[in-house]
PDB file of N, CA and C in Angstrom:
ATOM      1  N   UNK A   1      36.472 -79.899  46.192  1.00  0.00           N
ATOM      2  CA  UNK A   1      37.287 -79.097  45.280  1.00  0.00           C
ATOM      3  C   UNK A   1      36.953 -77.625  45.508  1.00  0.00           C
ATOM      4  N   UNK A   2      37.981 -76.824  45.669  1.00  0.00           N
ATOM      5  CA  UNK A   2      37.737 -75.402  45.903  1.00  0.00           C
ATOM      6  C   UNK A   2      37.644 -74.638  44.591  1.00  0.00           C
ATOM      7  N   UNK A   3      36.917 -73.553  44.624  1.00  0.00           N
ATOM      8  CA  UNK A   3      36.800 -72.685  43.456  1.00  0.00           C
ATOM      9  C   UNK A   3      38.096 -71.894  43.340  1.00  0.00           C
ATOM     10  N   UNK A   4      38.733 -71.962  42.185  1.00  0.00           N
ATOM     11  CA  UNK A   4      40.050 -71.345  42.051  1.00  0.00           C
ATOM     12  C   UNK A   4      40.247 -70.577  40.747  1.00  0.00           C
ATOM     13  N   UNK A   5      39.163 -70.268  40.068  1.00  0.00           N
ATOM     14  CA  UNK A   5      39.259 -69.524  38.806  1.00  0.00           C
ATOM     15  C   UNK A   5      38.328 -68.315  38.904  1.00  0.00           C
ATOM     16  N   UNK A   6      38.892 -67.124  38.794  1.00  0.00           N
ATOM     17  CA  UNK A   6      38.109 -65.896  38.892  1.00  0.00           C
ATOM     18  C   UNK A   6      37.276 -65.719  37.631  1.00  0.00           C
ATOM     19  N   UNK A   7      35.969 -65.718  37.811  1.00  0.00           N
ATOM     20  CA  UNK A   7      35.034 -65.547  36.692  1.00  0.00           C
ATOM     21  C   UNK A   7      34.601 -64.093  36.549  1.00  0.00           C
ATOM     22  N   UNK A   8      34.385 -63.443  37.715  1.00  0.00           N
ATOM     23  CA  UNK A   8      33.843 -62.095  37.680  1.00  0.00           C
ATOM     24  C   UNK A   8      34.285 -61.326  38.927  1.00  0.00           C
ATOM     25  N   UNK A   9      34.484 -60.031  38.763  1.00  0.00           N
ATOM     26  CA  UNK A   9      34.803 -59.172  39.903  1.00  0.00           C
ATOM     27  C   UNK A   9      33.994 -57.886  39.771  1.00  0.00           C
ATOM     28  N   UNK A  10      33.428 -57.471  40.897  1.00  0.00           N
ATOM     29  CA  UNK A  10      32.689 -56.220  40.982  1.00  0.00           C
ATOM     30  C   UNK A  10      33.500 -55.280  41.864  1.00  0.00           C
ATOM     31  N   UNK A  11      33.797 -54.096  41.356  1.00  0.00           N
ATOM     32  CA  UNK A  11      34.620 -53.113  42.066  1.00  0.00           C
ATOM     33  C   UNK A  11      33.715 -51.959  42.476  1.00  0.00           C
ATOM     34  N   UNK A  12      33.701 -51.665  43.781  1.00  0.00           N
ATOM     35  CA  UNK A  12      32.901 -50.518  44.209  1.00  0.00           C
ATOM     36  C   UNK A  12      33.563 -49.804  45.377  1.00  0.00           C
ATOM     37  N   UNK A  13      33.287 -48.507  45.477  1.00  0.00           N
ATOM     38  CA  UNK A  13      33.774 -47.699  46.588  1.00  0.00           C
ATOM     39  C   UNK A  13      33.073 -48.154  47.848  1.00  0.00           C
ATOM     40  N   UNK A  14      33.827 -48.201  48.927  1.00  0.00           N
ATOM     41  CA  UNK A  14      33.262 -48.544  50.229  1.00  0.00           C
ATOM     42  C   UNK A  14      33.935 -47.658  51.259  1.00  0.00           C
ATOM     43  N   UNK A  15      33.263 -46.619  51.661  1.00  0.00           N
ATOM     44  CA  UNK A  15      33.875 -45.664  52.576  1.00  0.00           C
ATOM     45  C   UNK A  15      35.054 -44.992  51.895  1.00  0.00           C
ATOM     46  N   UNK A  16      36.206 -45.051  52.545  1.00  0.00           N
ATOM     47  CA  UNK A  16      37.401 -44.436  51.986  1.00  0.00           C
ATOM     48  C   UNK A  16      38.169 -45.387  51.071  1.00  0.00           C
ATOM     49  N   UNK A  17      37.814 -46.667  51.079  1.00  0.00           N
ATOM     50  CA  UNK A  17      38.531 -47.652  50.274  1.00  0.00           C
ATOM     51  C   UNK A  17      37.660 -48.262  49.193  1.00  0.00           C
ATOM     52  N   UNK A  18      37.904 -49.524  48.915  1.00  0.00           N
ATOM     53  CA  UNK A  18      37.164 -50.251  47.889  1.00  0.00           C
ATOM     54  C   UNK A  18      36.719 -51.600  48.426  1.00  0.00           C
ATOM     55  N   UNK A  19      35.659 -52.101  47.834  1.00  0.00           N
ATOM     56  CA  UNK A  19      35.195 -53.445  48.119  1.00  0.00           C
ATOM     57  C   UNK A  19      35.194 -54.198  46.800  1.00  0.00           C
ATOM     58  N   UNK A  20      35.772 -55.391  46.810  1.00  0.00           N
ATOM     59  CA  UNK A  20      35.827 -56.230  45.621  1.00  0.00           C
ATOM     60  C   UNK A  20      35.009 -57.484  45.896  1.00  0.00           C
ATOM     61  N   UNK A  21      33.964 -57.694  45.120  1.00  0.00           N
ATOM     62  CA  UNK A  21      33.180 -58.910  45.222  1.00  0.00           C
ATOM     63  C   UNK A  21      33.667 -59.836  44.116  1.00  0.00           C
ATOM     64  N   UNK A  22      34.218 -60.979  44.509  1.00  0.00           N
ATOM     65  CA  UNK A  22      34.785 -61.933  43.563  1.00  0.00           C
ATOM     66  C   UNK A  22      33.845 -63.118  43.394  1.00  0.00           C
ATOM     67  N   UNK A  23      33.706 -63.575  42.173  1.00  0.00           N
ATOM     68  CA  UNK A  23      32.973 -64.802  41.889  1.00  0.00           C
ATOM     69  C   UNK A  23      33.996 -65.776  41.310  1.00  0.00           C
ATOM     70  N   UNK A  24      34.273 -66.832  42.079  1.00  0.00           N
ATOM     71  CA  UNK A  24      35.254 -67.845  41.674  1.00  0.00           C
ATOM     72  C   UNK A  24      34.523 -69.142  41.363  1.00  0.00           C
ATOM     73  N   UNK A  25      35.082 -69.915  40.443  1.00  0.00           N
ATOM     74  CA  UNK A  25      34.471 -71.179  40.067  1.00  0.00           C
ATOM     75  C   UNK A  25      35.548 -72.236  39.874  1.00  0.00           C
ATOM     76  N   UNK A  26      35.190 -73.487  40.138  1.00  0.00           N
ATOM     77  CA  UNK A  26      36.112 -74.599  39.918  1.00  0.00           C
ATOM     78  C   UNK A  26      35.752 -75.286  38.606  1.00  0.00           C
ATOM     79  N   UNK A  27      36.631 -76.176  38.151  1.00  0.00           N
ATOM     80  CA  UNK A  27      36.353 -76.937  36.935  1.00  0.00           C
ATOM     81  C   UNK A  27      35.100 -77.786  37.089  1.00  0.00           C
ATOM     82  N   UNK A  28      34.821 -78.220  38.318  1.00  0.00           N
ATOM     83  CA  UNK A  28      33.646 -79.058  38.584  1.00  0.00           C
ATOM     84  C   UNK A  28      32.370 -78.222  38.696  1.00  0.00           C
ATOM     85  N   UNK A  29      32.486 -76.901  38.623  1.00  0.00           N
ATOM     86  CA  UNK A  29      31.316 -76.040  38.666  1.00  0.00           C
ATOM     87  C   UNK A  29      30.996 -75.459  40.030  1.00  0.00           C
ATOM     88  N   UNK A  30      31.813 -75.732  41.021  1.00  0.00           N
ATOM     89  CA  UNK A  30      31.581 -75.148  42.346  1.00  0.00           C
ATOM     90  C   UNK A  30      31.803 -73.644  42.272  1.00  0.00           C
ATOM     91  N   UNK A  31      30.882 -72.889  42.796  1.00  0.00           N
ATOM     92  CA  UNK A  31      30.968 -71.430  42.758  1.00  0.00           C
ATOM     93  C   UNK A  31      31.113 -70.895  44.176  1.00  0.00           C
ATOM     94  N   UNK A  32      31.986 -69.920  44.296  1.00  0.00           N
ATOM     95  CA  UNK A  32      32.265 -69.319  45.602  1.00  0.00           C
ATOM     96  C   UNK A  32      32.271 -67.806  45.435  1.00  0.00           C
ATOM     97  N   UNK A  33      31.725 -67.110  46.404  1.00  0.00           N
ATOM     98  CA  UNK A  33      31.766 -65.650  46.406  1.00  0.00           C
ATOM     99  C   UNK A  33      32.632 -65.195  47.573  1.00  0.00           C
ATOM    100  N   UNK A  34      33.540 -64.289  47.275  1.00  0.00           N
ATOM    101  CA  UNK A  34      34.468 -63.772  48.281  1.00  0.00           C
ATOM    102  C   UNK A  34      34.421 -62.253  48.203  1.00  0.00           C
ATOM    103  N   UNK A  35      34.371 -61.603  49.366  1.00  0.00           N
ATOM    104  CA  UNK A  35      34.415 -60.150  49.414  1.00  0.00           C
ATOM    105  C   UNK A  35      35.740 -59.719  50.032  1.00  0.00           C
ATOM    106  N   UNK A  36      36.477 -58.891  49.289  1.00  0.00           N
ATOM    107  CA  UNK A  36      37.729 -58.325  49.788  1.00  0.00           C
ATOM    108  C   UNK A  36      37.507 -56.849  50.088  1.00  0.00           C
ATOM    109  N   UNK A  37      37.854 -56.439  51.271  1.00  0.00           N
ATOM    110  CA  UNK A  37      37.822 -55.022  51.629  1.00  0.00           C
ATOM    111  C   UNK A  37      39.232 -54.481  51.477  1.00  0.00           C
ATOM    112  N   UNK A  38      39.355 -53.422  50.693  1.00  0.00           N
ATOM    113  CA  UNK A  38      40.663 -52.829  50.420  1.00  0.00           C
ATOM    114  C   UNK A  38      40.673 -51.418  51.000  1.00  0.00           C
ATOM    115  N   UNK A  39      41.411 -51.202  52.097  1.00  0.00           N
ATOM    116  CA  UNK A  39      41.426 -49.872  52.714  1.00  0.00           C
ATOM    117  C   UNK A  39      42.129 -48.838  51.833  1.00  0.00           C
ATOM    118  N   UNK A  40      41.780 -47.577  52.043  1.00  0.00           N
ATOM    119  CA  UNK A  40      42.367 -46.493  51.247  1.00  0.00           C
ATOM    120  C   UNK A  40      43.888 -46.459  51.376  1.00  0.00           C
ATOM    121  N   UNK A  41      44.407 -46.843  52.547  1.00  0.00           N
ATOM    122  CA  UNK A  41      45.859 -46.844  52.733  1.00  0.00           C
ATOM    123  C   UNK A  41      46.549 -47.810  51.769  1.00  0.00           C
ATOM    124  N   UNK A  42      45.798 -48.788  51.266  1.00  0.00           N
ATOM    125  CA  UNK A  42      46.338 -49.768  50.315  1.00  0.00           C
ATOM    126  C   UNK A  42      45.976 -49.385  48.884  1.00  0.00           C
ATOM    127  N   UNK A  43      44.772 -48.864  48.697  1.00  0.00           N
ATOM    128  CA  UNK A  43      44.299 -48.567  47.341  1.00  0.00           C
ATOM    129  C   UNK A  43      43.437 -47.316  47.332  1.00  0.00           C
ATOM    130  N   UNK A  44      43.974 -46.244  46.782  1.00  0.00           N
ATOM    131  CA  UNK A  44      43.228 -44.991  46.687  1.00  0.00           C
ATOM    132  C   UNK A  44      42.470 -44.891  45.367  1.00  0.00           C
ATOM    133  N   UNK A  45      42.761 -45.783  44.423  1.00  0.00           N
ATOM    134  CA  UNK A  45      42.092 -45.771  43.115  1.00  0.00           C
ATOM    135  C   UNK A  45      41.621 -47.178  42.781  1.00  0.00           C
ATOM    136  N   UNK A  46      40.736 -47.283  41.791  1.00  0.00           N
ATOM    137  CA  UNK A  46      40.264 -48.609  41.398  1.00  0.00           C
ATOM    138  C   UNK A  46      41.380 -49.446  40.761  1.00  0.00           C
ATOM    139  N   UNK A  47      42.333 -48.811  40.084  1.00  0.00           N
ATOM    140  CA  UNK A  47      43.451 -49.577  39.519  1.00  0.00           C
ATOM    141  C   UNK A  47      44.350 -50.128  40.624  1.00  0.00           C
ATOM    142  N   UNK A  48      44.535 -49.370  41.698  1.00  0.00           N
ATOM    143  CA  UNK A  48      45.302 -49.877  42.843  1.00  0.00           C
ATOM    144  C   UNK A  48      44.549 -51.016  43.528  1.00  0.00           C
ATOM    145  N   UNK A  49      43.222 -50.934  43.563  1.00  0.00           N
ATOM    146  CA  UNK A  49      42.423 -52.018  44.144  1.00  0.00           C
ATOM    147  C   UNK A  49      42.575 -53.295  43.317  1.00  0.00           C
ATOM    148  N   UNK A  50      42.628 -53.169  42.007  1.00  0.00           N
ATOM    149  CA  UNK A  50      42.830 -54.347  41.146  1.00  0.00           C
ATOM    150  C   UNK A  50      44.247 -54.890  41.319  1.00  0.00           C
ATOM    151  N   UNK A  51      45.223 -54.018  41.523  1.00  0.00           N
ATOM    152  CA  UNK A  51      46.592 -54.486  41.801  1.00  0.00           C
ATOM    153  C   UNK A  51      46.605 -55.289  43.102  1.00  0.00           C
ATOM    154  N   UNK A  52      45.845 -54.856  44.086  1.00  0.00           N
ATOM    155  CA  UNK A  52      45.706 -55.605  45.344  1.00  0.00           C
ATOM    156  C   UNK A  52      45.081 -56.968  45.066  1.00  0.00           C
ATOM    157  N   UNK A  53      44.065 -56.989  44.205  1.00  0.00           N
ATOM    158  CA  UNK A  53      43.415 -58.248  43.826  1.00  0.00           C
ATOM    159  C   UNK A  53      44.408 -59.198  43.170  1.00  0.00           C
ATOM    160  N   UNK A  54      45.263 -58.687  42.308  1.00  0.00           N
ATOM    161  CA  UNK A  54      46.275 -59.519  41.650  1.00  0.00           C
ATOM    162  C   UNK A  54      47.175 -60.177  42.697  1.00  0.00           C
ATOM    163  N   UNK A  55      47.606 -59.398  43.678  1.00  0.00           N
ATOM    164  CA  UNK A  55      48.445 -59.967  44.751  1.00  0.00           C
ATOM    165  C   UNK A  55      47.670 -61.034  45.535  1.00  0.00           C
ATOM    166  N   UNK A  56      46.397 -60.779  45.796  1.00  0.00           N
ATOM    167  CA  UNK A  56      45.563 -61.749  46.514  1.00  0.00           C
ATOM    168  C   UNK A  56      45.416 -63.040  45.698  1.00  0.00           C
ATOM    169  N   UNK A  57      45.176 -62.903  44.397  1.00  0.00           N
ATOM    170  CA  UNK A  57      45.033 -64.084  43.535  1.00  0.00           C
ATOM    171  C   UNK A  57      46.321 -64.908  43.536  1.00  0.00           C
ATOM    172  N   UNK A  58      47.462 -64.228  43.445  1.00  0.00           N
ATOM    173  CA  UNK A  58      48.742 -64.945  43.477  1.00  0.00           C
ATOM    174  C   UNK A  58      48.918 -65.697  44.786  1.00  0.00           C
ATOM    175  N   UNK A  59      48.597 -65.048  45.906  1.00  0.00           N
ATOM    176  CA  UNK A  59      48.799 -65.690  47.210  1.00  0.00           C
ATOM    177  C   UNK A  59      47.822 -66.835  47.440  1.00  0.00           C
ATOM    178  N   UNK A  60      46.659 -66.783  46.815  1.00  0.00           N
ATOM    179  CA  UNK A  60      45.673 -67.845  47.003  1.00  0.00           C
ATOM    180  C   UNK A  60      45.825 -68.959  45.974  1.00  0.00           C
ATOM    181  N   UNK A  61      46.660 -68.748  44.963  1.00  0.00           N
ATOM    182  CA  UNK A  61      46.859 -69.761  43.925  1.00  0.00           C
ATOM    183  C   UNK A  61      45.745 -69.798  42.895  1.00  0.00           C
ATOM    184  N   UNK A  62      44.921 -68.773  42.865  1.00  0.00           N
ATOM    185  CA  UNK A  62      43.808 -68.727  41.920  1.00  0.00           C
ATOM    186  C   UNK A  62      44.268 -68.127  40.595  1.00  0.00           C
ATOM    187  N   UNK A  63      43.534 -68.445  39.550  1.00  0.00           N
ATOM    188  CA  UNK A  63      43.827 -67.912  38.226  1.00  0.00           C
ATOM    189  C   UNK A  63      42.612 -67.208  37.659  1.00  0.00           C
ATOM    190  N   UNK A  64      42.660 -66.915  36.381  1.00  0.00           N
ATOM    191  CA  UNK A  64      41.579 -66.201  35.703  1.00  0.00           C
ATOM    192  C   UNK A  64      40.856 -67.112  34.734  1.00  0.00           C
ATOM    193  N   UNK A  65      39.567 -66.922  34.613  1.00  0.00           N
ATOM    194  CA  UNK A  65      38.794 -67.586  33.571  1.00  0.00           C
ATOM    195  C   UNK A  65      39.130 -66.922  32.243  1.00  0.00           C
ATOM    196  N   UNK A  66      38.931 -67.633  31.176  1.00  0.00           N
ATOM    197  CA  UNK A  66      39.231 -67.089  29.848  1.00  0.00           C
ATOM    198  C   UNK A  66      38.419 -65.832  29.559  1.00  0.00           C
ATOM    199  N   UNK A  67      37.200 -65.795  30.052  1.00  0.00           N
ATOM    200  CA  UNK A  67      36.335 -64.646  29.786  1.00  0.00           C
ATOM    201  C   UNK A  67      35.995 -63.922  31.079  1.00  0.00           C
ATOM    202  N   UNK A  68      37.028 -63.656  31.871  1.00  0.00           N
ATOM    203  CA  UNK A  68      36.816 -62.949  33.144  1.00  0.00           C
ATOM    204  C   UNK A  68      36.136 -61.611  32.863  1.00  0.00           C
ATOM    205  N   UNK A  69      35.203 -61.271  33.727  1.00  0.00           N
ATOM    206  CA  UNK A  69      34.455 -60.026  33.561  1.00  0.00           C
ATOM    207  C   UNK A  69      34.714 -59.126  34.760  1.00  0.00           C
ATOM    208  N   UNK A  70      34.982 -57.855  34.481  1.00  0.00           N
ATOM    209  CA  UNK A  70      35.208 -56.866  35.539  1.00  0.00           C
ATOM    210  C   UNK A  70      34.164 -55.779  35.372  1.00  0.00           C
ATOM    211  N   UNK A  71      33.427 -55.543  36.447  1.00  0.00           N
ATOM    212  CA  UNK A  71      32.388 -54.514  36.436  1.00  0.00           C
ATOM    213  C   UNK A  71      32.665 -53.540  37.570  1.00  0.00           C
ATOM    214  N   UNK A  72      32.359 -52.285  37.313  1.00  0.00           N
ATOM    215  CA  UNK A  72      32.595 -51.219  38.289  1.00  0.00           C
ATOM    216  C   UNK A  72      31.256 -50.569  38.618  1.00  0.00           C
ATOM    217  N   UNK A  73      31.069 -50.288  39.915  1.00  0.00           N
ATOM    218  CA  UNK A  73      29.864 -49.589  40.345  1.00  0.00           C
ATOM    219  C   UNK A  73      30.194 -48.125  40.574  1.00  0.00           C
ATOM    220  N   UNK A  74      29.414 -47.283  39.944  1.00  0.00           N
ATOM    221  CA  UNK A  74      29.537 -45.836  40.131  1.00  0.00           C
ATOM    222  C   UNK A  74      28.136 -45.260  40.216  1.00  0.00           C
ATOM    223  N   UNK A  75      27.886 -44.505  41.254  1.00  0.00           N
ATOM    224  CA  UNK A  75      26.570 -43.886  41.462  1.00  0.00           C
ATOM    225  C   UNK A  75      25.446 -44.915  41.395  1.00  0.00           C
ATOM    226  N   UNK A  76      25.707 -46.100  41.924  1.00  0.00           N
ATOM    227  CA  UNK A  76      24.693 -47.142  41.955  1.00  0.00           C
ATOM    228  C   UNK A  76      24.501 -47.892  40.648  1.00  0.00           C
ATOM    229  N   UNK A  77      25.240 -47.531  39.629  1.00  0.00           N
ATOM    230  CA  UNK A  77      25.131 -48.174  38.311  1.00  0.00           C
ATOM    231  C   UNK A  77      26.337 -49.076  38.056  1.00  0.00           C
ATOM    232  N   UNK A  78      26.090 -50.276  37.539  1.00  0.00           N
ATOM    233  CA  UNK A  78      27.170 -51.190  37.169  1.00  0.00           C
ATOM    234  C   UNK A  78      27.483 -51.050  35.691  1.00  0.00           C
ATOM    235  N   UNK A  79      28.761 -51.036  35.364  1.00  0.00           N
ATOM    236  CA  UNK A  79      29.170 -51.020  33.958  1.00  0.00           C
ATOM    237  C   UNK A  79      30.468 -51.813  33.822  1.00  0.00           C
ATOM    238  N   UNK A  80      30.679 -52.347  32.630  1.00  0.00           N
ATOM    239  CA  UNK A  80      31.921 -53.066  32.373  1.00  0.00           C
ATOM    240  C   UNK A  80      33.089 -52.091  32.480  1.00  0.00           C
ATOM    241  N   UNK A  81      34.226 -52.621  32.939  1.00  0.00           N
ATOM    242  CA  UNK A  81      35.435 -51.813  33.102  1.00  0.00           C
ATOM    243  C   UNK A  81      36.560 -52.469  32.308  1.00  0.00           C
ATOM    244  N   UNK A  82      36.602 -52.229  31.002  1.00  0.00           N
ATOM    245  CA  UNK A  82      37.586 -52.915  30.152  1.00  0.00           C
ATOM    246  C   UNK A  82      39.036 -52.637  30.533  1.00  0.00           C
ATOM    247  N   UNK A  83      39.344 -51.430  31.019  1.00  0.00           N
ATOM    248  CA  UNK A  83      40.732 -51.128  31.387  1.00  0.00           C
ATOM    249  C   UNK A  83      41.143 -51.916  32.630  1.00  0.00           C
ATOM    250  N   UNK A  84      40.230 -52.126  33.569  1.00  0.00           N
ATOM    251  CA  UNK A  84      40.544 -52.926  34.758  1.00  0.00           C
ATOM    252  C   UNK A  84      40.655 -54.409  34.386  1.00  0.00           C
ATOM    253  N   UNK A  85      39.819 -54.852  33.462  1.00  0.00           N
ATOM    254  CA  UNK A  85      39.915 -56.236  32.960  1.00  0.00           C
ATOM    255  C   UNK A  85      41.275 -56.455  32.303  1.00  0.00           C
ATOM    256  N   UNK A  86      41.698 -55.493  31.497  1.00  0.00           N
ATOM    257  CA  UNK A  86      42.988 -55.620  30.821  1.00  0.00           C
ATOM    258  C   UNK A  86      44.124 -55.651  31.831  1.00  0.00           C
ATOM    259  N   UNK A  87      44.002 -54.882  32.900  1.00  0.00           N
ATOM    260  CA  UNK A  87      45.013 -54.902  33.964  1.00  0.00           C
ATOM    261  C   UNK A  87      45.129 -56.313  34.555  1.00  0.00           C
ATOM    262  N   UNK A  88      44.008 -56.982  34.756  1.00  0.00           N
ATOM    263  CA  UNK A  88      44.034 -58.369  35.242  1.00  0.00           C
ATOM    264  C   UNK A  88      44.685 -59.295  34.224  1.00  0.00           C
ATOM    265  N   UNK A  89      44.288 -59.151  32.961  1.00  0.00           N
ATOM    266  CA  UNK A  89      44.831 -60.017  31.916  1.00  0.00           C
ATOM    267  C   UNK A  89      46.333 -59.819  31.737  1.00  0.00           C
ATOM    268  N   UNK A  90      46.811 -58.587  31.943  1.00  0.00           N
ATOM    269  CA  UNK A  90      48.237 -58.290  31.785  1.00  0.00           C
ATOM    270  C   UNK A  90      49.081 -58.795  32.951  1.00  0.00           C
ATOM    271  N   UNK A  91      48.437 -59.087  34.070  1.00  0.00           N
ATOM    272  CA  UNK A  91      49.170 -59.581  35.246  1.00  0.00           C
ATOM    273  C   UNK A  91      49.643 -61.003  34.974  1.00  0.00           C
ATOM    274  N   UNK A  92      50.800 -61.339  35.467  1.00  0.00           N
ATOM    275  CA  UNK A  92      51.336 -62.688  35.272  1.00  0.00           C
ATOM    276  C   UNK A  92      50.778 -63.611  36.356  1.00  0.00           C
ATOM    277  N   UNK A  93      49.667 -64.251  36.037  1.00  0.00           N
ATOM    278  CA  UNK A  93      49.038 -65.176  36.977  1.00  0.00           C
ATOM    279  C   UNK A  93      49.188 -66.615  36.487  1.00  0.00           C
ATOM    280  N   UNK A  94      50.147 -66.842  35.604  1.00  0.00           N
ATOM    281  CA  UNK A  94      50.300 -68.163  34.979  1.00  0.00           C
ATOM    282  C   UNK A  94      50.600 -69.264  35.977  1.00  0.00           C
ATOM    283  N   UNK A  95      51.106 -68.912  37.161  1.00  0.00           N
ATOM    284  CA  UNK A  95      51.395 -69.942  38.153  1.00  0.00           C
ATOM    285  C   UNK A  95      50.164 -70.299  38.970  1.00  0.00           C
ATOM    286  N   UNK A  96      49.074 -69.527  38.790  1.00  0.00           N
ATOM    287  CA  UNK A  96      47.850 -69.795  39.551  1.00  0.00           C
ATOM    288  C   UNK A  96      47.137 -71.024  39.056  1.00  0.00           C
ATOM    289  N   UNK A  97      46.468 -71.733  39.951  1.00  0.00           N
ATOM    290  CA  UNK A  97      45.703 -72.913  39.590  1.00  0.00           C
ATOM    291  C   UNK A  97      44.497 -72.487  38.780  1.00  0.00           C
ATOM    292  N   UNK A  98      44.159 -73.276  37.780  1.00  0.00           N
ATOM    293  CA  UNK A  98      42.968 -73.008  37.004  1.00  0.00           C
ATOM    294  C   UNK A  98      43.104 -71.837  36.057  1.00  0.00           C
ATOM    295  N   UNK A  99      44.290 -71.387  35.802  1.00  0.00           N
ATOM    296  CA  UNK A  99      44.469 -70.226  34.951  1.00  0.00           C
ATOM    297  C   UNK A  99      44.081 -70.542  33.520  1.00  0.00           C
ATOM    298  N   UNK A 100      43.252 -69.693  32.947  1.00  0.00           N
ATOM    299  CA  UNK A 100      42.856 -69.826  31.563  1.00  0.00           C
ATOM    300  C   UNK A 100      42.721 -68.421  31.014  1.00  0.00           C
ATOM    301  N   UNK A 101      43.776 -67.935  30.430  1.00  0.00           N
ATOM    302  CA  UNK A 101      43.800 -66.551  29.943  1.00  0.00           C
ATOM    303  C   UNK A 101      43.977 -66.553  28.441  1.00  0.00           C
ATOM    304  N   UNK A 102      43.447 -65.531  27.815  1.00  0.00           N
ATOM    305  CA  UNK A 102      43.654 -65.370  26.376  1.00  0.00           C
ATOM    306  C   UNK A 102      42.825 -66.325  25.524  1.00  0.00           C
ATOM    307  N   UNK A 103      41.640 -66.676  26.006  1.00  0.00           N
ATOM    308  CA  UNK A 103      40.754 -67.505  25.208  1.00  0.00           C
ATOM    309  C   UNK A 103      40.948 -68.996  25.366  1.00  0.00           C
ATOM    310  N   UNK A 104      41.903 -69.426  26.201  1.00  0.00           N
ATOM    311  CA  UNK A 104      42.124 -70.859  26.427  1.00  0.00           C
ATOM    312  C   UNK A 104      41.405 -71.267  27.693  1.00  0.00           C
ATOM    313  N   UNK A 105      40.905 -72.500  27.715  1.00  0.00           N
ATOM    314  CA  UNK A 105      40.300 -73.016  28.941  1.00  0.00           C
ATOM    315  C   UNK A 105      40.861 -74.360  29.259  1.00  0.00           C
TER     316      UNK A 105
END
């Protein structure tokens, strides 16, 4: 069984673009880590990088965990990014496998 529910995402600058470290999990508890490199030509801001992530999630058939966590790295420090989390929650990922949004699992 593949991991198909996004539990956590870490957003950080990588050169001119962004790097997204994804933590995905399956209902059976299988955990997978995926790193997406997002070039500046695709995403010049962290919100554009999350929009890229939404497209990736749709194409992979993955959904969101009910308590998905989004963290951003700035100057070597990690902090929660509620506006980026909300951007994920507002995306229509209802067709993704394992989708559990809005407190439902």
